[in-house]
Every structure is written in C-alpha cells, then in structure tokens.
Amino acid sequence: MSFFNKKKQAKKPKESNEIMNKDLKEHIANMSLNILQKDIDFENVEYTKVEFGYLFDIEGHGIEALFKVITDKTTVYFAVQGTKMLRLDFSEELFQSTVDGFLDIHS
C-alpha cells in the first residue's frame, strides 16, 4: 500500500482573463500592425479592426492570446505566447475552434 508515496498533483497556475484590458489589447494590436506589410496585407490601415478570441495572463508563462486583424485586403491571424508574437496561417474555422477549445479548458 502506498499511502505516503502519492505524487503531488501539479498546482494549476493562476490565470487572469485580460479580455477587458483595453491598454494591453491596444499594445498587442499595435505590435501586430508593425508586422503587416503595406500593399500585401493592407492598402489603408484606417479601417483596420482587431478582434481577440482570448487574452489571458498565466502565472509563470505570461500572455496567451489569439486574435485576428481584419484589414481592407485580408484577415491575418496572430498568437501571443509569453513574449513572442506569431503570425499564423489560420482559417476562420480553425481560429474559432481554437478559441472555443482554449476557453473550454481555461474557463
């Protein structure tokens, strides 16, 4: 019998849903705009829109976000993981299913 040798379950890191954090969202959105290429991704940024699927701050990891930038030419998908921003090759369906799956796990 192994009463004393039970493995401790890993403590779940604290998570903070930052989807309402306007300053953080603006900062991330501005960073993503610097990655976009004029004439390829957009003609005019005036009507560009950013939509976040999720935005969490996870203890020991940092920011975890998935969002899309909708321009006058295309929709570009991005992820933030810790201190890295990644441009993704996503479809709208993959974006939505990833958001749904993440929120199911982290809600």
PDB file of N, CA and C in Angstrom:
ATOM      1  N   MET A   1       0.848  -1.176   0.000  1.00  0.00           N
ATOM      2  CA  MET A   1       0.000   0.000   0.000  1.00  0.00           C
ATOM      3  C   MET A   1       0.889   1.231   0.000  1.00  0.00           C
ATOM      4  N   SER A   2       0.457   2.209  -0.687  1.00  0.00           N
ATOM      5  CA  SER A   2       1.304   3.374  -0.898  1.00  0.00           C
ATOM      6  C   SER A   2       0.599   4.651  -0.458  1.00  0.00           C
ATOM      7  N   PHE A   3       0.356   4.776   0.849  1.00  0.00           N
ATOM      8  CA  PHE A   3      -0.314   5.967   1.352  1.00  0.00           C
ATOM      9  C   PHE A   3       0.589   7.187   1.351  1.00  0.00           C
ATOM     10  N   PHE A   4       1.869   6.983   1.569  1.00  0.00           N
ATOM     11  CA  PHE A   4       2.783   8.107   1.762  1.00  0.00           C
ATOM     12  C   PHE A   4       3.572   8.461   0.508  1.00  0.00           C
ATOM     13  N   ASN A   5       3.487   7.664  -0.495  1.00  0.00           N
ATOM     14  CA  ASN A   5       4.265   7.910  -1.704  1.00  0.00           C
ATOM     15  C   ASN A   5       3.413   8.431  -2.856  1.00  0.00           C
ATOM     16  N   LYS A   6       2.289   9.005  -2.522  1.00  0.00           N
ATOM     17  CA  LYS A   6       1.435   9.561  -3.567  1.00  0.00           C
ATOM     18  C   LYS A   6       2.112  10.781  -4.174  1.00  0.00           C
ATOM     19  N   LYS A   7       2.084  10.833  -5.465  1.00  0.00           N
ATOM     20  CA  LYS A   7       2.646  12.002  -6.150  1.00  0.00           C
ATOM     21  C   LYS A   7       1.721  13.188  -5.945  1.00  0.00           C
ATOM     22  N   LYS A   8       2.314  14.323  -5.681  1.00  0.00           N
ATOM     23  CA  LYS A   8       1.529  15.545  -5.562  1.00  0.00           C
ATOM     24  C   LYS A   8       1.119  15.997  -6.955  1.00  0.00           C
ATOM     25  N   GLN A   9      -0.131  16.399  -7.072  1.00  0.00           N
ATOM     26  CA  GLN A   9      -0.580  16.927  -8.350  1.00  0.00           C
ATOM     27  C   GLN A   9       0.008  18.314  -8.536  1.00  0.00           C
ATOM     28  N   ALA A  10       0.402  18.590  -9.743  1.00  0.00           N
ATOM     29  CA  ALA A  10       0.969  19.909 -10.043  1.00  0.00           C
ATOM     30  C   ALA A  10      -0.075  20.983  -9.765  1.00  0.00           C
ATOM     31  N   LYS A  11       0.376  22.031  -9.108  1.00  0.00           N
ATOM     32  CA  LYS A  11      -0.511  23.146  -8.808  1.00  0.00           C
ATOM     33  C   LYS A  11      -0.825  23.892 -10.103  1.00  0.00           C
ATOM     34  N   LYS A  12      -2.088  24.132 -10.335  1.00  0.00           N
ATOM     35  CA  LYS A  12      -2.501  24.851 -11.535  1.00  0.00           C
ATOM     36  C   LYS A  12      -2.086  26.314 -11.398  1.00  0.00           C
ATOM     37  N   PRO A  13      -1.415  26.859 -12.416  1.00  0.00           N
ATOM     38  CA  PRO A  13      -1.004  28.266 -12.330  1.00  0.00           C
ATOM     39  C   PRO A  13      -2.211  29.205 -12.308  1.00  0.00           C
ATOM     40  N   LYS A  14      -2.036  30.332 -11.644  1.00  0.00           N
ATOM     41  CA  LYS A  14      -3.098  31.331 -11.624  1.00  0.00           C
ATOM     42  C   LYS A  14      -3.245  31.940 -13.010  1.00  0.00           C
ATOM     43  N   GLU A  15      -4.479  32.159 -13.393  1.00  0.00           N
ATOM     44  CA  GLU A  15      -4.784  32.751 -14.690  1.00  0.00           C
ATOM     45  C   GLU A  15      -5.686  33.957 -14.497  1.00  0.00           C
ATOM     46  N   SER A  16      -5.437  34.948 -15.314  1.00  0.00           N
ATOM     47  CA  SER A  16      -6.269  36.143 -15.275  1.00  0.00           C
ATOM     48  C   SER A  16      -6.779  36.410 -16.690  1.00  0.00           C
ATOM     49  N   ASN A  17      -8.089  36.442 -16.843  1.00  0.00           N
ATOM     50  CA  ASN A  17      -8.679  36.749 -18.132  1.00  0.00           C
ATOM     51  C   ASN A  17      -8.560  38.259 -18.350  1.00  0.00           C
ATOM     52  N   GLU A  18      -7.782  38.661 -19.334  1.00  0.00           N
ATOM     53  CA  GLU A  18      -7.488  40.073 -19.600  1.00  0.00           C
ATOM     54  C   GLU A  18      -8.250  40.619 -20.802  1.00  0.00           C
ATOM     55  N   ILE A  19      -9.316  39.939 -21.212  1.00  0.00           N
ATOM     56  CA  ILE A  19     -10.037  40.337 -22.419  1.00  0.00           C
ATOM     57  C   ILE A  19     -10.609  41.751 -22.317  1.00  0.00           C
ATOM     58  N   MET A  20     -10.808  42.265 -21.110  1.00  0.00           N
ATOM     59  CA  MET A  20     -11.332  43.621 -20.928  1.00  0.00           C
ATOM     60  C   MET A  20     -10.220  44.653 -20.707  1.00  0.00           C
ATOM     61  N   ASN A  21      -8.968  44.236 -20.759  1.00  0.00           N
ATOM     62  CA  ASN A  21      -7.829  45.116 -20.520  1.00  0.00           C
ATOM     63  C   ASN A  21      -7.516  45.908 -21.796  1.00  0.00           C
ATOM     64  N   LYS A  22      -8.108  47.082 -21.910  1.00  0.00           N
ATOM     65  CA  LYS A  22      -8.000  47.900 -23.119  1.00  0.00           C
ATOM     66  C   LYS A  22      -6.549  48.277 -23.435  1.00  0.00           C
ATOM     67  N   ASP A  23      -5.777  48.649 -22.427  1.00  0.00           N
ATOM     68  CA  ASP A  23      -4.382  49.054 -22.666  1.00  0.00           C
ATOM     69  C   ASP A  23      -3.551  47.901 -23.219  1.00  0.00           C
ATOM     70  N   LEU A  24      -3.717  46.717 -22.645  1.00  0.00           N
ATOM     71  CA  LEU A  24      -2.979  45.552 -23.116  1.00  0.00           C
ATOM     72  C   LEU A  24      -3.394  45.183 -24.541  1.00  0.00           C
ATOM     73  N   LYS A  25      -4.689  45.239 -24.813  1.00  0.00           N
ATOM     74  CA  LYS A  25      -5.168  44.931 -26.157  1.00  0.00           C
ATOM     75  C   LYS A  25      -4.633  45.923 -27.186  1.00  0.00           C
ATOM     76  N   GLU A  26      -4.605  47.190 -26.838  1.00  0.00           N
ATOM     77  CA  GLU A  26      -4.069  48.204 -27.760  1.00  0.00           C
ATOM     78  C   GLU A  26      -2.578  47.978 -28.014  1.00  0.00           C
ATOM     79  N   HIS A  27      -1.851  47.641 -26.965  1.00  0.00           N
ATOM     80  CA  HIS A  27      -0.409  47.383 -27.116  1.00  0.00           C
ATOM     81  C   HIS A  27      -0.166  46.193 -28.049  1.00  0.00           C
ATOM     82  N   ILE A  28      -0.880  45.114 -27.830  1.00  0.00           N
ATOM     83  CA  ILE A  28      -0.724  43.921 -28.674  1.00  0.00           C
ATOM     84  C   ILE A  28      -1.155  44.221 -30.110  1.00  0.00           C
ATOM     85  N   ALA A  29      -2.270  44.925 -30.272  1.00  0.00           N
ATOM     86  CA  ALA A  29      -2.748  45.271 -31.614  1.00  0.00           C
ATOM     87  C   ALA A  29      -1.725  46.122 -32.359  1.00  0.00           C
ATOM     88  N   ASN A  30      -1.145  47.104 -31.682  1.00  0.00           N
ATOM     89  CA  ASN A  30      -0.135  47.955 -32.323  1.00  0.00           C
ATOM     90  C   ASN A  30       1.093  47.151 -32.732  1.00  0.00           C
ATOM     91  N   MET A  31       1.497  46.200 -31.900  1.00  0.00           N
ATOM     92  CA  MET A  31       2.631  45.339 -32.260  1.00  0.00           C
ATOM     93  C   MET A  31       2.323  44.540 -33.521  1.00  0.00           C
ATOM     94  N   SER A  32       1.098  44.040 -33.619  1.00  0.00           N
ATOM     95  CA  SER A  32       0.743  43.234 -34.794  1.00  0.00           C
ATOM     96  C   SER A  32       0.713  44.084 -36.060  1.00  0.00           C
ATOM     97  N   LEU A  33       0.295  45.334 -35.944  1.00  0.00           N
ATOM     98  CA  LEU A  33       0.263  46.216 -37.126  1.00  0.00           C
ATOM     99  C   LEU A  33       1.655  46.438 -37.697  1.00  0.00           C
ATOM    100  N   ASN A  34       2.654  46.408 -36.838  1.00  0.00           N
ATOM    101  CA  ASN A  34       4.035  46.563 -37.309  1.00  0.00           C
ATOM    102  C   ASN A  34       4.507  45.374 -38.128  1.00  0.00           C
ATOM    103  N   ILE A  35       3.839  44.245 -37.980  1.00  0.00           N
ATOM    104  CA  ILE A  35       4.213  43.035 -38.725  1.00  0.00           C
ATOM    105  C   ILE A  35       3.562  43.009 -40.106  1.00  0.00           C
ATOM    106  N   LEU A  36       2.419  43.661 -40.240  1.00  0.00           N
ATOM    107  CA  LEU A  36       1.709  43.666 -41.518  1.00  0.00           C
ATOM    108  C   LEU A  36       2.500  44.407 -42.589  1.00  0.00           C
ATOM    109  N   GLN A  37       2.325  43.973 -43.839  1.00  0.00           N
ATOM    110  CA  GLN A  37       3.048  44.559 -44.958  1.00  0.00           C
ATOM    111  C   GLN A  37       2.091  45.357 -45.838  1.00  0.00           C
ATOM    112  N   LYS A  38       2.442  46.634 -46.033  1.00  0.00           N
ATOM    113  CA  LYS A  38       1.631  47.502 -46.894  1.00  0.00           C
ATOM    114  C   LYS A  38       1.600  46.925 -48.306  1.00  0.00           C
ATOM    115  N   ASP A  39       0.481  47.064 -48.948  1.00  0.00           N
ATOM    116  CA  ASP A  39       0.192  46.587 -50.304  1.00  0.00           C
ATOM    117  C   ASP A  39       0.020  45.066 -50.391  1.00  0.00           C
ATOM    118  N   ILE A  40       0.441  44.333 -49.389  1.00  0.00           N
ATOM    119  CA  ILE A  40       0.200  42.889 -49.364  1.00  0.00           C
ATOM    120  C   ILE A  40      -0.945  42.583 -48.401  1.00  0.00           C
ATOM    121  N   ASP A  41      -0.828  43.090 -47.170  1.00  0.00           N
ATOM    122  CA  ASP A  41      -1.837  42.840 -46.140  1.00  0.00           C
ATOM    123  C   ASP A  41      -2.883  43.946 -46.058  1.00  0.00           C
ATOM    124  N   PHE A  42      -2.527  45.135 -46.506  1.00  0.00           N
ATOM    125  CA  PHE A  42      -3.464  46.259 -46.424  1.00  0.00           C
ATOM    126  C   PHE A  42      -3.077  47.340 -47.420  1.00  0.00           C
ATOM    127  N   GLU A  43      -4.053  48.154 -47.784  1.00  0.00           N
ATOM    128  CA  GLU A  43      -3.808  49.369 -48.571  1.00  0.00           C
ATOM    129  C   GLU A  43      -3.838  50.577 -47.639  1.00  0.00           C
ATOM    130  N   ASN A  44      -4.863  50.598 -46.764  1.00  0.00           N
ATOM    131  CA  ASN A  44      -5.062  51.717 -45.854  1.00  0.00           C
ATOM    132  C   ASN A  44      -5.439  51.137 -44.489  1.00  0.00           C
ATOM    133  N   VAL A  45      -4.713  51.491 -43.451  1.00  0.00           N
ATOM    134  CA  VAL A  45      -4.992  50.933 -42.115  1.00  0.00           C
ATOM    135  C   VAL A  45      -6.139  51.643 -41.401  1.00  0.00           C
ATOM    136  N   GLU A  46      -6.687  52.669 -42.024  1.00  0.00           N
ATOM    137  CA  GLU A  46      -7.705  53.495 -41.368  1.00  0.00           C
ATOM    138  C   GLU A  46      -8.888  52.677 -40.845  1.00  0.00           C
ATOM    139  N   TYR A  47      -9.325  51.682 -41.571  1.00  0.00           N
ATOM    140  CA  TYR A  47     -10.491  50.906 -41.162  1.00  0.00           C
ATOM    141  C   TYR A  47     -10.120  49.514 -40.638  1.00  0.00           C
ATOM    142  N   THR A  48      -8.886  49.339 -40.252  1.00  0.00           N
ATOM    143  CA  THR A  48      -8.436  48.056 -39.719  1.00  0.00           C
ATOM    144  C   THR A  48      -9.095  47.787 -38.370  1.00  0.00           C
ATOM    145  N   LYS A  49      -9.477  46.544 -38.181  1.00  0.00           N
ATOM    146  CA  LYS A  49     -10.181  46.134 -36.964  1.00  0.00           C
ATOM    147  C   LYS A  49      -9.444  44.940 -36.356  1.00  0.00           C
ATOM    148  N   VAL A  50      -9.365  44.901 -35.027  1.00  0.00           N
ATOM    149  CA  VAL A  50      -8.728  43.792 -34.320  1.00  0.00           C
ATOM    150  C   VAL A  50      -9.778  43.128 -33.437  1.00  0.00           C
ATOM    151  N   GLU A  51      -9.868  41.801 -33.533  1.00  0.00           N
ATOM    152  CA  GLU A  51     -10.802  41.038 -32.710  1.00  0.00           C
ATOM    153  C   GLU A  51     -10.026  39.962 -31.955  1.00  0.00           C
ATOM    154  N   PHE A  52     -10.159  39.979 -30.633  1.00  0.00           N
ATOM    155  CA  PHE A  52      -9.488  38.998 -29.794  1.00  0.00           C
ATOM    156  C   PHE A  52     -10.412  37.812 -29.548  1.00  0.00           C
ATOM    157  N   GLY A  53      -9.881  36.618 -29.721  1.00  0.00           N
ATOM    158  CA  GLY A  53     -10.601  35.406 -29.357  1.00  0.00           C
ATOM    159  C   GLY A  53     -10.471  35.139 -27.872  1.00  0.00           C
ATOM    160  N   TYR A  54      -9.233  35.278 -27.371  1.00  0.00           N
ATOM    161  CA  TYR A  54      -8.976  35.190 -25.943  1.00  0.00           C
ATOM    162  C   TYR A  54      -7.699  35.947 -25.622  1.00  0.00           C
ATOM    163  N   LEU A  55      -7.585  36.334 -24.348  1.00  0.00           N
ATOM    164  CA  LEU A  55      -6.422  37.072 -23.862  1.00  0.00           C
ATOM    165  C   LEU A  55      -6.284  36.779 -22.369  1.00  0.00           C
ATOM    166  N   PHE A  56      -5.312  35.945 -22.035  1.00  0.00           N
ATOM    167  CA  PHE A  56      -5.083  35.542 -20.654  1.00  0.00           C
ATOM    168  C   PHE A  56      -3.659  35.892 -20.243  1.00  0.00           C
ATOM    169  N   ASP A  57      -3.493  36.181 -18.967  1.00  0.00           N
ATOM    170  CA  ASP A  57      -2.174  36.308 -18.351  1.00  0.00           C
ATOM    171  C   ASP A  57      -2.036  35.110 -17.424  1.00  0.00           C
ATOM    172  N   ILE A  58      -1.090  34.239 -17.715  1.00  0.00           N
ATOM    173  CA  ILE A  58      -0.930  32.984 -16.982  1.00  0.00           C
ATOM    174  C   ILE A  58       0.362  33.038 -16.178  1.00  0.00           C
ATOM    175  N   GLU A  59       0.239  32.809 -14.878  1.00  0.00           N
ATOM    176  CA  GLU A  59       1.383  32.843 -13.967  1.00  0.00           C
ATOM    177  C   GLU A  59       2.487  31.904 -14.453  1.00  0.00           C
ATOM    178  N   GLY A  60       3.704  32.416 -14.504  1.00  0.00           N
ATOM    179  CA  GLY A  60       4.844  31.620 -14.916  1.00  0.00           C
ATOM    180  C   GLY A  60       4.983  31.454 -16.417  1.00  0.00           C
ATOM    181  N   HIS A  61       4.036  31.957 -17.159  1.00  0.00           N
ATOM    182  CA  HIS A  61       4.052  31.822 -18.622  1.00  0.00           C
ATOM    183  C   HIS A  61       3.961  33.177 -19.306  1.00  0.00           C
ATOM    184  N   GLY A  62       3.096  34.014 -18.814  1.00  0.00           N
ATOM    185  CA  GLY A  62       2.884  35.323 -19.419  1.00  0.00           C
ATOM    186  C   GLY A  62       1.590  35.352 -20.211  1.00  0.00           C
ATOM    187  N   ILE A  63       1.583  36.191 -21.209  1.00  0.00           N
ATOM    188  CA  ILE A  63       0.379  36.407 -22.009  1.00  0.00           C
ATOM    189  C   ILE A  63       0.144  35.236 -22.959  1.00  0.00           C
ATOM    190  N   GLU A  64      -1.098  34.850 -23.075  1.00  0.00           N
ATOM    191  CA  GLU A  64      -1.549  33.846 -24.045  1.00  0.00           C
ATOM    192  C   GLU A  64      -2.750  34.465 -24.750  1.00  0.00           C
ATOM    193  N   ALA A  65      -2.620  34.701 -26.045  1.00  0.00           N
ATOM    194  CA  ALA A  65      -3.685  35.371 -26.783  1.00  0.00           C
ATOM    195  C   ALA A  65      -3.805  34.807 -28.187  1.00  0.00           C
ATOM    196  N   LEU A  66      -5.013  34.876 -28.698  1.00  0.00           N
ATOM    197  CA  LEU A  66      -5.284  34.565 -30.090  1.00  0.00           C
ATOM    198  C   LEU A  66      -6.203  35.660 -30.600  1.00  0.00           C
ATOM    199  N   PHE A  67      -5.826  36.271 -31.725  1.00  0.00           N
ATOM    200  CA  PHE A  67      -6.624  37.368 -32.259  1.00  0.00           C
ATOM    201  C   PHE A  67      -6.437  37.471 -33.760  1.00  0.00           C
ATOM    202  N   LYS A  68      -7.300  38.279 -34.371  1.00  0.00           N
ATOM    203  CA  LYS A  68      -7.213  38.476 -35.812  1.00  0.00           C
ATOM    204  C   LYS A  68      -7.253  39.966 -36.115  1.00  0.00           C
ATOM    205  N   VAL A  69      -6.566  40.327 -37.170  1.00  0.00           N
ATOM    206  CA  VAL A  69      -6.542  41.697 -37.659  1.00  0.00           C
ATOM    207  C   VAL A  69      -7.238  41.685 -39.017  1.00  0.00           C
ATOM    208  N   ILE A  70      -8.309  42.448 -39.113  1.00  0.00           N
ATOM    209  CA  ILE A  70      -9.106  42.495 -40.335  1.00  0.00           C
ATOM    210  C   ILE A  70      -8.786  43.809 -41.044  1.00  0.00           C
ATOM    211  N   THR A  71      -8.209  43.710 -42.232  1.00  0.00           N
ATOM    212  CA  THR A  71      -7.807  44.903 -42.985  1.00  0.00           C
ATOM    213  C   THR A  71      -8.709  45.056 -44.206  1.00  0.00           C
ATOM    214  N   ASP A  72      -8.397  46.057 -45.006  1.00  0.00           N
ATOM    215  CA  ASP A  72      -9.153  46.269 -46.237  1.00  0.00           C
ATOM    216  C   ASP A  72      -8.834  45.234 -47.313  1.00  0.00           C
ATOM    217  N   LYS A  73      -7.824  44.383 -47.081  1.00  0.00           N
ATOM    218  CA  LYS A  73      -7.440  43.384 -48.079  1.00  0.00           C
ATOM    219  C   LYS A  73      -7.588  41.944 -47.603  1.00  0.00           C
ATOM    220  N   THR A  74      -7.427  41.715 -46.288  1.00  0.00           N
ATOM    221  CA  THR A  74      -7.374  40.336 -45.806  1.00  0.00           C
ATOM    222  C   THR A  74      -7.628  40.276 -44.303  1.00  0.00           C
ATOM    223  N   THR A  75      -7.665  39.070 -43.796  1.00  0.00           N
ATOM    224  CA  THR A  75      -7.687  38.830 -42.354  1.00  0.00           C
ATOM    225  C   THR A  75      -6.422  38.078 -42.004  1.00  0.00           C
ATOM    226  N   VAL A  76      -5.699  38.591 -41.008  1.00  0.00           N
ATOM    227  CA  VAL A  76      -4.438  37.990 -40.575  1.00  0.00           C
ATOM    228  C   VAL A  76      -4.612  37.548 -39.126  1.00  0.00           C
ATOM    229  N   TYR A  77      -4.191  36.315 -38.839  1.00  0.00           N
ATOM    230  CA  TYR A  77      -4.348  35.735 -37.509  1.00  0.00           C
ATOM    231  C   TYR A  77      -3.014  35.763 -36.770  1.00  0.00           C
ATOM    232  N   PHE A  78      -3.088  36.029 -35.462  1.00  0.00           N
ATOM    233  CA  PHE A  78      -1.901  36.114 -34.627  1.00  0.00           C
ATOM    234  C   PHE A  78      -2.116  35.387 -33.308  1.00  0.00           C
ATOM    235  N   ALA A  79      -1.000  34.930 -32.745  1.00  0.00           N
ATOM    236  CA  ALA A  79      -0.996  34.387 -31.386  1.00  0.00           C
ATOM    237  C   ALA A  79       0.104  35.092 -30.614  1.00  0.00           C
ATOM    238  N   VAL A  80      -0.124  35.268 -29.334  1.00  0.00           N
ATOM    239  CA  VAL A  80       0.917  35.733 -28.418  1.00  0.00           C
ATOM    240  C   VAL A  80       1.108  34.618 -27.405  1.00  0.00           C
ATOM    241  N   GLN A  81       2.364  34.205 -27.238  1.00  0.00           N
ATOM    242  CA  GLN A  81       2.717  33.178 -26.254  1.00  0.00           C
ATOM    243  C   GLN A  81       3.911  33.697 -25.479  1.00  0.00           C
ATOM    244  N   GLY A  82       3.655  34.088 -24.228  1.00  0.00           N
ATOM    245  CA  GLY A  82       4.714  34.677 -23.420  1.00  0.00           C
ATOM    246  C   GLY A  82       5.112  36.017 -24.011  1.00  0.00           C
ATOM    247  N   THR A  83       6.354  36.111 -24.446  1.00  0.00           N
ATOM    248  CA  THR A  83       6.858  37.361 -25.029  1.00  0.00           C
ATOM    249  C   THR A  83       6.941  37.298 -26.556  1.00  0.00           C
ATOM    250  N   LYS A  84       6.409  36.242 -27.156  1.00  0.00           N
ATOM    251  CA  LYS A  84       6.515  36.072 -28.605  1.00  0.00           C
ATOM    252  C   LYS A  84       5.170  36.285 -29.283  1.00  0.00           C
ATOM    253  N   MET A  85       5.218  36.983 -30.413  1.00  0.00           N
ATOM    254  CA  MET A  85       4.033  37.133 -31.257  1.00  0.00           C
ATOM    255  C   MET A  85       4.278  36.349 -32.540  1.00  0.00           C
ATOM    256  N   LEU A  86       3.288  35.550 -32.910  1.00  0.00           N
ATOM    257  CA  LEU A  86       3.406  34.707 -34.088  1.00  0.00           C
ATOM    258  C   LEU A  86       2.303  35.023 -35.076  1.00  0.00           C
ATOM    259  N   ARG A  87       2.677  35.152 -36.334  1.00  0.00           N
ATOM    260  CA  ARG A  87       1.681  35.280 -37.399  1.00  0.00           C
ATOM    261  C   ARG A  87       1.296  33.872 -37.806  1.00  0.00           C
ATOM    262  N   LEU A  88       0.002  33.599 -37.853  1.00  0.00           N
ATOM    263  CA  LEU A  88      -0.480  32.244 -38.087  1.00  0.00           C
ATOM    264  C   LEU A  88      -1.088  32.086 -39.473  1.00  0.00           C
ATOM    265  N   ASP A  89      -1.050  30.892 -39.973  1.00  0.00           N
ATOM    266  CA  ASP A  89      -1.715  30.532 -41.219  1.00  0.00           C
ATOM    267  C   ASP A  89      -2.995  29.788 -40.830  1.00  0.00           C
ATOM    268  N   PHE A  90      -4.028  30.546 -40.463  1.00  0.00           N
ATOM    269  CA  PHE A  90      -5.287  30.011 -39.949  1.00  0.00           C
ATOM    270  C   PHE A  90      -6.419  30.333 -40.909  1.00  0.00           C
ATOM    271  N   SER A  91      -7.450  29.520 -40.834  1.00  0.00           N
ATOM    272  CA  SER A  91      -8.734  29.850 -41.447  1.00  0.00           C
ATOM    273  C   SER A  91      -9.647  30.363 -40.332  1.00  0.00           C
ATOM    274  N   GLU A  92     -10.773  30.938 -40.702  1.00  0.00           N
ATOM    275  CA  GLU A  92     -11.727  31.397 -39.693  1.00  0.00           C
ATOM    276  C   GLU A  92     -12.246  30.227 -38.866  1.00  0.00           C
ATOM    277  N   GLU A  93     -12.462  29.095 -39.502  1.00  0.00           N
ATOM    278  CA  GLU A  93     -12.955  27.918 -38.789  1.00  0.00           C
ATOM    279  C   GLU A  93     -11.940  27.424 -37.757  1.00  0.00           C
ATOM    280  N   LEU A  94     -10.671  27.391 -38.140  1.00  0.00           N
ATOM    281  CA  LEU A  94      -9.627  26.963 -37.206  1.00  0.00           C
ATOM    282  C   LEU A  94      -9.476  27.964 -36.065  1.00  0.00           C
ATOM    283  N   PHE A  95      -9.557  29.246 -36.381  1.00  0.00           N
ATOM    284  CA  PHE A  95      -9.499  30.287 -35.347  1.00  0.00           C
ATOM    285  C   PHE A  95     -10.610  30.064 -34.327  1.00  0.00           C
ATOM    286  N   GLN A  96     -11.838  29.903 -34.801  1.00  0.00           N
ATOM    287  CA  GLN A  96     -12.969  29.771 -33.886  1.00  0.00           C
ATOM    288  C   GLN A  96     -12.895  28.489 -33.066  1.00  0.00           C
ATOM    289  N   SER A  97     -12.495  27.393 -33.674  1.00  0.00           N
ATOM    290  CA  SER A  97     -12.409  26.139 -32.915  1.00  0.00           C
ATOM    291  C   SER A  97     -11.276  26.194 -31.892  1.00  0.00           C
ATOM    292  N   THR A  98     -10.188  26.880 -32.206  1.00  0.00           N
ATOM    293  CA  THR A  98      -9.096  27.042 -31.248  1.00  0.00           C
ATOM    294  C   THR A  98      -9.533  27.912 -30.080  1.00  0.00           C
ATOM    295  N   VAL A  99     -10.237  28.993 -30.367  1.00  0.00           N
ATOM    296  CA  VAL A  99     -10.763  29.864 -29.304  1.00  0.00           C
ATOM    297  C   VAL A  99     -11.715  29.064 -28.419  1.00  0.00           C
ATOM    298  N   ASP A 100     -12.644  28.351 -29.019  1.00  0.00           N
ATOM    299  CA  ASP A 100     -13.613  27.574 -28.246  1.00  0.00           C
ATOM    300  C   ASP A 100     -12.924  26.541 -27.365  1.00  0.00           C
ATOM    301  N   GLY A 101     -11.940  25.845 -27.913  1.00  0.00           N
ATOM    302  CA  GLY A 101     -11.219  24.836 -27.146  1.00  0.00           C
ATOM    303  C   GLY A 101     -10.436  25.433 -25.999  1.00  0.00           C
ATOM    304  N   PHE A 102      -9.768  26.556 -26.243  1.00  0.00           N
ATOM    305  CA  PHE A 102      -8.991  27.213 -25.183  1.00  0.00           C
ATOM    306  C   PHE A 102      -9.916  27.688 -24.068  1.00  0.00           C
ATOM    307  N   LEU A 103     -11.018  28.299 -24.430  1.00  0.00           N
ATOM    308  CA  LEU A 103     -11.946  28.819 -23.418  1.00  0.00           C
ATOM    309  C   LEU A 103     -12.610  27.684 -22.632  1.00  0.00           C
ATOM    310  N   ASP A 104     -12.849  26.543 -23.275  1.00  0.00           N
ATOM    311  CA  ASP A 104     -13.391  25.394 -22.555  1.00  0.00           C
ATOM    312  C   ASP A 104     -12.416  24.909 -21.471  1.00  0.00           C
ATOM    313  N   ILE A 105     -11.152  24.905 -21.783  1.00  0.00           N
ATOM    314  CA  ILE A 105     -10.133  24.446 -20.843  1.00  0.00           C
ATOM    315  C   ILE A 105      -9.880  25.480 -19.738  1.00  0.00           C
ATOM    316  N   HIS A 106      -9.892  26.755 -20.088  1.00  0.00           N
ATOM    317  CA  HIS A 106      -9.450  27.803 -19.161  1.00  0.00           C
ATOM    318  C   HIS A 106     -10.591  28.594 -18.513  1.00  0.00           C
ATOM    319  N   SER A 107     -11.814  28.177 -18.709  1.00  0.00           N
ATOM    320  CA  SER A 107     -12.935  28.900 -18.095  1.00  0.00           C
ATOM    321  C   SER A 107     -13.405  28.209 -16.837  1.00  0.00           C
TER     322      SER A 107
END
